């Protein structure tokens, strides 16, 4: 009789454990089991077979560092404040980890930002180039004439454009309007 009671108790406990695991988040999601390949959703890490969010980055510090790297010394205070506010929001939205943020705060120039796992505040040369090519073909510019747009494409391959520069280029409706964009 005691053996039967012990078996029933063990079976009920096993059933409880199984149902509590099934009620948890799906594999790969926060606080869920890691996937079989030990991966988790973006922004999460697999630790002890559990997907967890790593400690967050200091977004205020990152925004300040980005302002030093991406703005010039003569940027008016209100533009600098708007930039740092936007960079802080972008950092929070990206769920930057402390390790990813450390890469940004250690960067000495834009080129080092490109090597960070999450590069905030940087423009995309492929997007800039595609938009400039579209503008040039629409304007009927001679293919052998070197334009300001061509110089930008060449510079984009050597240097790292800011996100503000990319946004300025994408807002241009004509090739001539790109000249007002500052790197």
N, C-alpha and C. Protein backbone atom coordinates (compact mmCIF):
# COMPACT_ATOMS: atom_id res chain seq x y z
N UNK A 1 0.82 -1.18 0.00
CA UNK A 1 0.00 0.00 0.00
C UNK A 1 0.87 1.26 0.00
N UNK A 2 1.93 1.26 0.84
CA UNK A 2 2.83 2.42 0.90
C UNK A 2 3.55 2.59 -0.43
N UNK A 3 3.90 1.48 -1.05
CA UNK A 3 4.58 1.54 -2.34
C UNK A 3 3.67 2.16 -3.39
N UNK A 4 2.40 1.77 -3.39
CA UNK A 4 1.43 2.32 -4.33
C UNK A 4 1.25 3.82 -4.11
N UNK A 5 1.16 4.22 -2.85
CA UNK A 5 1.03 5.64 -2.51
C UNK A 5 2.27 6.42 -2.95
N UNK A 6 3.44 5.87 -2.76
CA UNK A 6 4.69 6.53 -3.16
C UNK A 6 4.76 6.67 -4.67
N UNK A 7 4.33 5.63 -5.42
CA UNK A 7 4.32 5.70 -6.88
C UNK A 7 3.34 6.76 -7.38
N UNK A 8 2.17 6.84 -6.76
CA UNK A 8 1.18 7.85 -7.15
C UNK A 8 1.71 9.26 -6.90
N UNK A 9 2.36 9.45 -5.76
CA UNK A 9 2.93 10.75 -5.42
C UNK A 9 4.04 11.13 -6.41
N UNK A 10 4.89 10.19 -6.75
CA UNK A 10 5.98 10.45 -7.70
C UNK A 10 5.41 10.79 -9.08
N UNK A 11 4.38 10.08 -9.50
CA UNK A 11 3.76 10.33 -10.81
C UNK A 11 3.11 11.71 -10.85
N UNK A 12 2.45 12.08 -9.75
CA UNK A 12 1.80 13.39 -9.73
C UNK A 12 2.83 14.52 -9.72
N UNK A 13 3.96 14.34 -9.02
CA UNK A 13 5.01 15.35 -9.02
C UNK A 13 5.64 15.47 -10.40
N UNK A 14 5.84 14.36 -11.07
CA UNK A 14 6.39 14.39 -12.43
C UNK A 14 5.43 15.11 -13.37
N UNK A 15 4.15 14.88 -13.20
CA UNK A 15 3.14 15.57 -14.01
C UNK A 15 3.15 17.05 -13.75
N UNK A 16 3.35 17.46 -12.50
CA UNK A 16 3.41 18.89 -12.17
C UNK A 16 4.62 19.54 -12.82
N UNK A 17 5.74 18.86 -12.76
CA UNK A 17 6.95 19.42 -13.34
C UNK A 17 6.80 19.57 -14.85
N UNK A 18 6.25 18.58 -15.50
CA UNK A 18 6.06 18.62 -16.94
C UNK A 18 5.11 19.75 -17.33
N UNK A 19 4.04 19.95 -16.59
CA UNK A 19 3.08 20.99 -16.96
C UNK A 19 3.63 22.37 -16.70
N UNK A 20 4.50 22.54 -15.67
CA UNK A 20 5.07 23.87 -15.42
C UNK A 20 6.07 24.23 -16.51
N UNK A 21 6.78 23.22 -17.06
CA UNK A 21 7.70 23.52 -18.14
C UNK A 21 6.93 23.90 -19.40
N UNK A 22 5.83 23.27 -19.65
CA UNK A 22 5.06 23.57 -20.84
C UNK A 22 4.43 24.95 -20.76
N UNK A 23 4.18 25.44 -19.55
CA UNK A 23 3.54 26.73 -19.39
C UNK A 23 4.51 27.89 -19.54
N UNK A 24 5.82 27.63 -19.55
CA UNK A 24 6.82 28.68 -19.66
C UNK A 24 6.88 29.25 -21.07
N UNK A 25 7.70 30.30 -21.25
CA UNK A 25 7.85 30.89 -22.59
C UNK A 25 8.44 29.89 -23.58
N UNK A 26 8.16 30.06 -24.84
CA UNK A 26 8.71 29.16 -25.86
C UNK A 26 10.24 29.25 -25.91
N UNK A 27 10.84 28.22 -26.44
CA UNK A 27 12.30 28.18 -26.57
C UNK A 27 12.79 29.38 -27.38
N UNK A 28 13.85 30.00 -26.89
CA UNK A 28 14.46 31.14 -27.58
C UNK A 28 13.98 32.48 -27.08
N UNK A 29 12.82 32.52 -26.42
CA UNK A 29 12.31 33.78 -25.90
C UNK A 29 12.84 34.03 -24.49
N UNK A 30 12.71 35.26 -24.04
CA UNK A 30 13.22 35.62 -22.72
C UNK A 30 12.61 34.73 -21.64
N UNK A 31 13.47 34.18 -20.79
CA UNK A 31 13.15 33.27 -19.69
C UNK A 31 12.68 31.90 -20.15
N UNK A 32 12.79 31.65 -21.44
CA UNK A 32 12.48 30.32 -21.98
C UNK A 32 13.77 29.53 -22.14
N UNK A 33 13.64 28.24 -22.41
CA UNK A 33 14.82 27.42 -22.66
C UNK A 33 15.53 27.90 -23.92
N UNK A 34 16.83 27.66 -23.98
CA UNK A 34 17.59 27.97 -25.20
C UNK A 34 17.17 26.97 -26.27
N UNK A 35 17.31 27.35 -27.52
CA UNK A 35 17.04 26.43 -28.62
C UNK A 35 18.11 25.34 -28.60
N UNK A 36 17.89 24.23 -29.30
CA UNK A 36 18.88 23.13 -29.29
C UNK A 36 20.29 23.58 -29.72
N UNK A 37 20.38 24.61 -30.59
CA UNK A 37 21.70 25.09 -31.01
C UNK A 37 22.26 26.16 -30.06
N UNK A 38 21.65 26.31 -28.87
CA UNK A 38 22.03 27.25 -27.81
C UNK A 38 21.85 28.71 -28.24
N UNK A 39 20.90 28.98 -29.15
CA UNK A 39 20.63 30.34 -29.57
C UNK A 39 19.35 30.85 -28.91
N UNK A 40 19.22 32.17 -28.90
CA UNK A 40 18.05 32.83 -28.34
C UNK A 40 17.63 33.95 -29.31
N UNK A 41 16.49 34.56 -29.04
CA UNK A 41 16.03 35.69 -29.84
C UNK A 41 17.05 36.82 -29.74
N UNK A 42 17.04 37.76 -30.72
CA UNK A 42 17.98 38.88 -30.68
C UNK A 42 17.91 39.65 -29.35
N UNK A 43 19.09 40.01 -28.85
CA UNK A 43 19.17 40.75 -27.60
C UNK A 43 19.23 39.88 -26.37
N UNK A 44 19.12 38.56 -26.54
CA UNK A 44 19.15 37.64 -25.40
C UNK A 44 20.39 36.75 -25.50
N UNK A 45 20.82 36.24 -24.35
CA UNK A 45 21.95 35.32 -24.30
C UNK A 45 21.51 34.01 -23.66
N UNK A 46 22.16 32.94 -24.06
CA UNK A 46 21.87 31.62 -23.49
C UNK A 46 22.84 31.38 -22.33
N UNK A 47 22.31 31.37 -21.12
CA UNK A 47 23.10 31.08 -19.93
C UNK A 47 22.40 29.99 -19.14
N UNK A 48 23.11 28.92 -18.86
CA UNK A 48 22.54 27.76 -18.12
C UNK A 48 21.25 27.26 -18.78
N UNK A 49 21.27 27.20 -20.11
CA UNK A 49 20.14 26.74 -20.91
C UNK A 49 18.88 27.58 -20.70
N UNK A 50 19.06 28.86 -20.40
CA UNK A 50 17.94 29.77 -20.21
C UNK A 50 18.25 31.06 -20.97
N UNK A 51 17.30 31.56 -21.76
CA UNK A 51 17.50 32.80 -22.50
C UNK A 51 17.24 33.97 -21.57
N UNK A 52 18.28 34.79 -21.38
CA UNK A 52 18.18 35.94 -20.47
C UNK A 52 18.67 37.19 -21.17
N UNK A 53 18.18 38.34 -20.69
CA UNK A 53 18.61 39.63 -21.21
C UNK A 53 19.85 40.05 -20.41
N UNK A 54 20.95 40.35 -21.11
CA UNK A 54 22.17 40.77 -20.40
C UNK A 54 21.98 42.16 -19.79
N UNK A 55 22.87 42.58 -18.90
CA UNK A 55 22.75 43.92 -18.30
C UNK A 55 22.73 44.99 -19.40
N UNK A 56 21.90 46.02 -19.23
CA UNK A 56 21.79 47.04 -20.28
C UNK A 56 22.99 47.99 -20.30
N UNK A 57 23.18 48.63 -21.43
CA UNK A 57 24.24 49.62 -21.59
C UNK A 57 23.82 50.94 -20.94
N UNK A 58 24.80 51.77 -20.66
CA UNK A 58 24.55 53.13 -20.16
C UNK A 58 24.29 54.01 -21.37
N UNK A 59 23.02 54.15 -21.76
CA UNK A 59 22.65 54.83 -23.01
C UNK A 59 22.99 56.32 -22.98
N UNK A 60 22.97 56.96 -21.82
CA UNK A 60 23.35 58.37 -21.74
C UNK A 60 24.83 58.54 -22.08
N UNK A 61 25.65 57.64 -21.56
CA UNK A 61 27.10 57.68 -21.83
C UNK A 61 27.37 57.40 -23.31
N UNK A 62 26.63 56.46 -23.87
CA UNK A 62 26.81 56.12 -25.29
C UNK A 62 26.40 57.29 -26.17
N UNK A 63 25.28 57.93 -25.84
CA UNK A 63 24.81 59.08 -26.63
C UNK A 63 25.84 60.21 -26.59
N UNK A 64 26.44 60.44 -25.46
CA UNK A 64 27.46 61.48 -25.33
C UNK A 64 28.68 61.13 -26.18
N UNK A 65 29.12 59.88 -26.14
CA UNK A 65 30.27 59.45 -26.94
C UNK A 65 29.97 59.59 -28.43
N UNK A 66 28.77 59.22 -28.84
CA UNK A 66 28.40 59.35 -30.25
C UNK A 66 28.40 60.81 -30.68
N UNK A 67 27.97 61.71 -29.80
CA UNK A 67 27.98 63.13 -30.15
C UNK A 67 29.41 63.62 -30.38
N UNK A 68 30.37 63.12 -29.58
CA UNK A 68 31.78 63.50 -29.78
C UNK A 68 32.33 62.96 -31.09
N UNK A 69 31.91 61.76 -31.46
CA UNK A 69 32.44 61.12 -32.67
C UNK A 69 31.76 61.58 -33.96
N UNK A 70 30.48 61.92 -33.87
CA UNK A 70 29.72 62.17 -35.10
C UNK A 70 29.37 63.63 -35.34
N UNK A 71 29.53 64.48 -34.35
CA UNK A 71 29.24 65.90 -34.53
C UNK A 71 30.55 66.69 -34.47
N UNK A 72 30.57 67.83 -35.15
CA UNK A 72 31.79 68.62 -35.07
C UNK A 72 31.75 69.55 -33.84
N UNK A 73 32.86 70.20 -33.58
CA UNK A 73 32.98 71.04 -32.39
C UNK A 73 32.07 72.25 -32.41
N UNK A 74 31.62 72.66 -33.58
CA UNK A 74 30.82 73.87 -33.69
C UNK A 74 29.33 73.61 -33.83
N UNK A 75 28.91 72.40 -33.57
CA UNK A 75 27.49 72.08 -33.62
C UNK A 75 26.78 72.87 -32.52
N UNK A 76 25.73 73.61 -32.87
CA UNK A 76 24.99 74.38 -31.85
C UNK A 76 24.44 73.49 -30.75
N UNK A 77 24.36 74.03 -29.56
CA UNK A 77 23.94 73.27 -28.38
C UNK A 77 22.59 72.59 -28.57
N UNK A 78 21.61 73.28 -29.17
CA UNK A 78 20.29 72.67 -29.33
C UNK A 78 20.33 71.49 -30.29
N UNK A 79 21.17 71.56 -31.34
CA UNK A 79 21.32 70.42 -32.24
C UNK A 79 22.04 69.26 -31.55
N UNK A 80 23.04 69.59 -30.75
CA UNK A 80 23.77 68.56 -30.00
C UNK A 80 22.83 67.86 -29.01
N UNK A 81 21.98 68.64 -28.33
CA UNK A 81 21.02 68.07 -27.38
C UNK A 81 20.02 67.18 -28.10
N UNK A 82 19.52 67.64 -29.26
CA UNK A 82 18.57 66.83 -30.03
C UNK A 82 19.24 65.53 -30.49
N UNK A 83 20.50 65.62 -30.89
CA UNK A 83 21.23 64.44 -31.33
C UNK A 83 21.40 63.45 -30.19
N UNK A 84 21.83 63.92 -29.02
CA UNK A 84 22.06 63.00 -27.90
C UNK A 84 20.75 62.38 -27.43
N UNK A 85 19.66 63.15 -27.46
CA UNK A 85 18.35 62.59 -27.08
C UNK A 85 17.95 61.47 -28.05
N UNK A 86 18.14 61.73 -29.35
CA UNK A 86 17.79 60.72 -30.36
C UNK A 86 18.70 59.48 -30.23
N UNK A 87 19.98 59.70 -29.97
CA UNK A 87 20.91 58.58 -29.82
C UNK A 87 20.56 57.76 -28.58
N UNK A 88 20.16 58.41 -27.51
CA UNK A 88 19.77 57.70 -26.29
C UNK A 88 18.54 56.84 -26.56
N UNK A 89 17.56 57.41 -27.28
CA UNK A 89 16.35 56.64 -27.62
C UNK A 89 16.69 55.45 -28.52
N UNK A 90 17.59 55.66 -29.47
CA UNK A 90 17.99 54.57 -30.36
C UNK A 90 18.70 53.47 -29.57
N UNK A 91 19.52 53.85 -28.62
CA UNK A 91 20.22 52.88 -27.77
C UNK A 91 19.23 52.05 -26.96
N UNK A 92 18.26 52.72 -26.36
CA UNK A 92 17.25 52.01 -25.56
C UNK A 92 16.43 51.08 -26.44
N UNK A 93 16.03 51.56 -27.62
CA UNK A 93 15.22 50.75 -28.53
C UNK A 93 15.99 49.53 -29.04
N UNK A 94 17.31 49.66 -29.16
CA UNK A 94 18.13 48.54 -29.64
C UNK A 94 18.42 47.53 -28.54
N UNK A 95 18.02 47.82 -27.30
CA UNK A 95 18.28 46.94 -26.15
C UNK A 95 19.77 46.58 -26.09
N UNK A 96 20.60 47.60 -26.20
CA UNK A 96 22.04 47.40 -26.18
C UNK A 96 22.49 46.81 -24.86
N UNK A 97 23.33 45.81 -24.93
CA UNK A 97 23.88 45.22 -23.70
C UNK A 97 25.07 46.06 -23.24
N UNK A 98 25.48 45.85 -22.01
CA UNK A 98 26.63 46.58 -21.47
C UNK A 98 27.89 46.28 -22.29
N UNK A 99 28.06 45.05 -22.76
CA UNK A 99 29.23 44.70 -23.58
C UNK A 99 29.20 45.42 -24.92
N UNK A 100 28.04 45.45 -25.57
CA UNK A 100 27.92 46.15 -26.85
C UNK A 100 28.16 47.65 -26.66
N UNK A 101 27.65 48.19 -25.58
CA UNK A 101 27.84 49.61 -25.29
C UNK A 101 29.27 49.95 -24.99
N UNK A 102 29.99 49.03 -24.37
CA UNK A 102 31.40 49.27 -24.05
C UNK A 102 32.22 49.45 -25.33
N UNK A 103 31.88 48.71 -26.36
CA UNK A 103 32.57 48.85 -27.64
C UNK A 103 32.40 50.27 -28.18
N UNK A 104 31.20 50.81 -28.08
CA UNK A 104 30.94 52.16 -28.57
C UNK A 104 31.67 53.19 -27.73
N UNK A 105 31.65 53.05 -26.43
CA UNK A 105 32.29 54.06 -25.58
C UNK A 105 33.82 54.01 -25.67
N UNK A 106 34.40 52.89 -26.10
CA UNK A 106 35.85 52.80 -26.29
C UNK A 106 36.30 53.34 -27.64
N UNK A 107 35.38 53.49 -28.58
CA UNK A 107 35.74 53.91 -29.94
C UNK A 107 36.38 55.30 -29.93
N UNK A 108 37.46 55.43 -30.69
CA UNK A 108 38.19 56.70 -30.78
C UNK A 108 37.81 57.49 -32.04
N UNK A 109 37.24 56.79 -33.03
CA UNK A 109 36.81 57.46 -34.26
C UNK A 109 35.70 56.63 -34.91
N UNK A 110 35.09 57.19 -35.94
CA UNK A 110 33.95 56.54 -36.60
C UNK A 110 34.28 55.14 -37.12
N UNK A 111 35.48 54.97 -37.63
CA UNK A 111 35.88 53.68 -38.18
C UNK A 111 35.79 52.56 -37.15
N UNK A 112 36.11 52.88 -35.90
CA UNK A 112 36.02 51.87 -34.85
C UNK A 112 34.57 51.55 -34.50
N UNK A 113 33.67 52.50 -34.72
CA UNK A 113 32.24 52.24 -34.47
C UNK A 113 31.73 51.15 -35.40
N UNK A 114 32.23 51.17 -36.62
CA UNK A 114 31.77 50.19 -37.62
C UNK A 114 32.07 48.76 -37.17
N UNK A 115 33.11 48.57 -36.35
CA UNK A 115 33.50 47.24 -35.91
C UNK A 115 32.71 46.76 -34.69
N UNK A 116 31.89 47.63 -34.10
CA UNK A 116 31.10 47.23 -32.92
C UNK A 116 29.96 46.31 -33.34
N UNK A 117 29.53 45.39 -32.44
CA UNK A 117 28.43 44.47 -32.78
C UNK A 117 27.15 45.21 -33.17
N UNK A 118 26.86 46.31 -32.49
CA UNK A 118 25.71 47.14 -32.83
C UNK A 118 26.25 48.56 -33.01
N UNK A 119 26.28 49.03 -34.24
CA UNK A 119 26.84 50.34 -34.54
C UNK A 119 25.72 51.37 -34.63
N UNK A 120 25.56 52.14 -33.59
CA UNK A 120 24.52 53.18 -33.57
C UNK A 120 25.03 54.45 -34.24
N UNK A 121 24.12 55.19 -34.85
CA UNK A 121 24.45 56.50 -35.39
C UNK A 121 25.16 56.51 -36.72
N UNK A 122 25.38 55.34 -37.31
CA UNK A 122 26.12 55.28 -38.57
C UNK A 122 25.18 55.09 -39.75
N UNK A 123 25.56 55.70 -40.86
CA UNK A 123 24.81 55.55 -42.08
C UNK A 123 25.23 54.30 -42.84
N UNK A 124 24.45 53.92 -43.81
CA UNK A 124 24.72 52.73 -44.60
C UNK A 124 25.13 53.16 -46.01
N UNK A 125 26.38 52.85 -46.38
CA UNK A 125 26.90 53.26 -47.69
C UNK A 125 26.10 52.65 -48.84
N UNK A 126 25.64 51.44 -48.70
CA UNK A 126 24.87 50.80 -49.77
C UNK A 126 23.57 51.57 -50.04
N UNK A 127 22.91 52.02 -48.96
CA UNK A 127 21.67 52.78 -49.11
C UNK A 127 21.95 54.14 -49.74
N UNK A 128 23.02 54.79 -49.29
CA UNK A 128 23.41 56.10 -49.83
C UNK A 128 23.74 55.98 -51.31
N UNK A 129 24.56 54.98 -51.66
CA UNK A 129 24.98 54.78 -53.05
C UNK A 129 23.78 54.49 -53.95
N UNK A 130 22.88 53.63 -53.50
CA UNK A 130 21.70 53.29 -54.32
C UNK A 130 20.85 54.53 -54.59
N UNK A 131 20.67 55.37 -53.58
CA UNK A 131 19.86 56.59 -53.76
C UNK A 131 20.57 57.56 -54.71
N UNK A 132 21.88 57.71 -54.57
CA UNK A 132 22.62 58.61 -55.45
C UNK A 132 22.60 58.13 -56.90
N UNK A 133 22.72 56.83 -57.11
CA UNK A 133 22.66 56.28 -58.47
C UNK A 133 21.29 56.52 -59.08
N UNK A 134 20.24 56.39 -58.27
CA UNK A 134 18.89 56.66 -58.76
C UNK A 134 18.74 58.13 -59.14
N UNK A 135 19.28 59.02 -58.32
CA UNK A 135 19.20 60.45 -58.62
C UNK A 135 19.99 60.80 -59.88
N UNK A 136 21.16 60.19 -60.03
CA UNK A 136 21.98 60.48 -61.21
C UNK A 136 21.32 59.97 -62.48
N UNK A 137 20.73 58.80 -62.44
CA UNK A 137 20.09 58.28 -63.65
C UNK A 137 18.84 59.10 -64.00
N UNK A 138 18.14 59.60 -62.98
CA UNK A 138 16.95 60.41 -63.24
C UNK A 138 17.31 61.78 -63.81
N UNK A 139 18.51 62.28 -63.47
CA UNK A 139 18.88 63.62 -63.92
C UNK A 139 19.57 63.59 -65.28
N UNK A 140 19.92 62.40 -65.78
CA UNK A 140 20.56 62.30 -67.09
C UNK A 140 22.00 62.78 -67.07
N UNK A 141 22.68 62.65 -65.95
CA UNK A 141 24.08 63.05 -65.85
C UNK A 141 24.92 62.12 -66.72
N UNK A 142 25.88 62.73 -67.46
CA UNK A 142 26.79 61.95 -68.28
C UNK A 142 27.53 60.94 -67.41
N UNK A 143 27.54 59.69 -67.82
CA UNK A 143 28.14 58.62 -67.02
C UNK A 143 29.64 58.81 -66.82
N UNK A 144 30.30 59.58 -67.72
CA UNK A 144 31.75 59.78 -67.61
C UNK A 144 32.11 61.04 -66.84
N UNK A 145 31.13 61.82 -66.45
CA UNK A 145 31.37 63.04 -65.69
C UNK A 145 31.43 62.70 -64.20
N UNK A 146 32.49 63.13 -63.54
CA UNK A 146 32.62 62.89 -62.11
C UNK A 146 31.85 64.00 -61.39
N UNK A 147 30.85 63.58 -60.61
CA UNK A 147 30.00 64.54 -59.91
C UNK A 147 30.26 64.49 -58.41
N UNK A 148 29.60 65.40 -57.70
CA UNK A 148 29.68 65.39 -56.24
C UNK A 148 29.16 64.08 -55.69
N UNK A 149 28.16 63.52 -56.35
CA UNK A 149 27.62 62.23 -55.91
C UNK A 149 28.67 61.13 -56.03
N UNK A 150 29.46 61.16 -57.11
CA UNK A 150 30.53 60.17 -57.28
C UNK A 150 31.59 60.31 -56.19
N UNK A 151 31.90 61.56 -55.84
CA UNK A 151 32.89 61.79 -54.77
C UNK A 151 32.36 61.27 -53.43
N UNK A 152 31.06 61.41 -53.21
CA UNK A 152 30.46 60.91 -51.97
C UNK A 152 30.54 59.39 -51.92
N UNK A 153 30.24 58.73 -53.04
CA UNK A 153 30.31 57.27 -53.10
C UNK A 153 31.74 56.81 -52.82
N UNK A 154 32.72 57.47 -53.42
CA UNK A 154 34.12 57.12 -53.20
C UNK A 154 34.50 57.33 -51.74
N UNK A 155 34.08 58.44 -51.17
CA UNK A 155 34.40 58.74 -49.76
C UNK A 155 33.71 57.74 -48.82
N UNK A 156 32.52 57.33 -49.20
CA UNK A 156 31.76 56.40 -48.38
C UNK A 156 32.49 55.06 -48.25
N UNK A 157 33.24 54.69 -49.28
CA UNK A 157 33.98 53.44 -49.24
C UNK A 157 35.19 53.53 -48.31
N UNK A 158 35.73 54.74 -48.14
CA UNK A 158 36.92 54.93 -47.30
C UNK A 158 36.58 55.29 -45.86
N UNK A 159 35.48 56.02 -45.66
CA UNK A 159 35.12 56.54 -44.35
C UNK A 159 33.75 56.02 -43.94
N UNK A 160 33.33 56.40 -42.75
CA UNK A 160 32.04 55.95 -42.23
C UNK A 160 31.11 57.16 -42.14
N UNK A 161 30.02 57.16 -42.91
CA UNK A 161 29.09 58.29 -42.83
C UNK A 161 28.22 58.22 -41.58
N UNK A 162 27.74 59.36 -41.15
CA UNK A 162 26.83 59.39 -40.00
C UNK A 162 25.41 59.08 -40.49
N UNK A 163 24.57 58.71 -39.56
CA UNK A 163 23.16 58.45 -39.88
C UNK A 163 22.49 59.74 -40.35
N UNK A 164 22.88 60.88 -39.77
CA UNK A 164 22.31 62.17 -40.19
C UNK A 164 22.66 62.46 -41.65
N UNK A 165 23.88 62.11 -42.08
CA UNK A 165 24.28 62.31 -43.47
C UNK A 165 23.43 61.42 -44.38
N UNK A 166 23.25 60.17 -43.99
CA UNK A 166 22.42 59.26 -44.78
C UNK A 166 21.00 59.82 -44.92
N UNK A 167 20.43 60.29 -43.83
CA UNK A 167 19.07 60.83 -43.87
C UNK A 167 18.99 62.06 -44.77
N UNK A 168 20.02 62.91 -44.74
CA UNK A 168 20.06 64.09 -45.60
C UNK A 168 20.10 63.68 -47.07
N UNK A 169 20.94 62.70 -47.40
CA UNK A 169 21.05 62.23 -48.78
C UNK A 169 19.72 61.62 -49.24
N UNK A 170 19.10 60.82 -48.40
CA UNK A 170 17.84 60.18 -48.78
C UNK A 170 16.71 61.19 -48.95
N UNK A 171 16.81 62.34 -48.28
CA UNK A 171 15.79 63.38 -48.42
C UNK A 171 15.96 64.19 -49.70
N UNK A 172 17.12 64.10 -50.33
CA UNK A 172 17.38 64.87 -51.56
C UNK A 172 16.58 64.31 -52.73
N UNK A 173 15.95 65.22 -53.46
CA UNK A 173 15.19 64.82 -54.64
C UNK A 173 15.99 65.01 -55.93
N UNK A 174 17.09 65.78 -55.85
CA UNK A 174 17.96 66.03 -57.00
C UNK A 174 19.41 65.88 -56.56
N UNK A 175 20.28 65.59 -57.51
CA UNK A 175 21.70 65.43 -57.21
C UNK A 175 22.26 66.70 -56.59
N UNK A 176 21.83 67.85 -57.07
CA UNK A 176 22.35 69.13 -56.58
C UNK A 176 22.05 69.33 -55.09
N UNK A 177 20.94 68.78 -54.62
CA UNK A 177 20.55 68.95 -53.22
C UNK A 177 21.46 68.18 -52.27
N UNK A 178 22.19 67.20 -52.78
CA UNK A 178 23.09 66.40 -51.95
C UNK A 178 24.28 67.23 -51.48
N UNK A 179 24.63 68.26 -52.23
CA UNK A 179 25.78 69.10 -51.90
C UNK A 179 25.62 69.78 -50.54
N UNK A 180 24.38 69.99 -50.09
CA UNK A 180 24.15 70.65 -48.80
C UNK A 180 24.34 69.72 -47.60
N UNK A 181 24.42 68.44 -47.87
CA UNK A 181 24.59 67.46 -46.79
C UNK A 181 26.03 67.49 -46.27
N UNK A 182 26.18 67.57 -44.97
CA UNK A 182 27.52 67.56 -44.38
C UNK A 182 27.82 66.19 -43.84
N UNK A 183 29.05 65.78 -44.01
CA UNK A 183 29.50 64.45 -43.64
C UNK A 183 29.43 64.25 -42.17
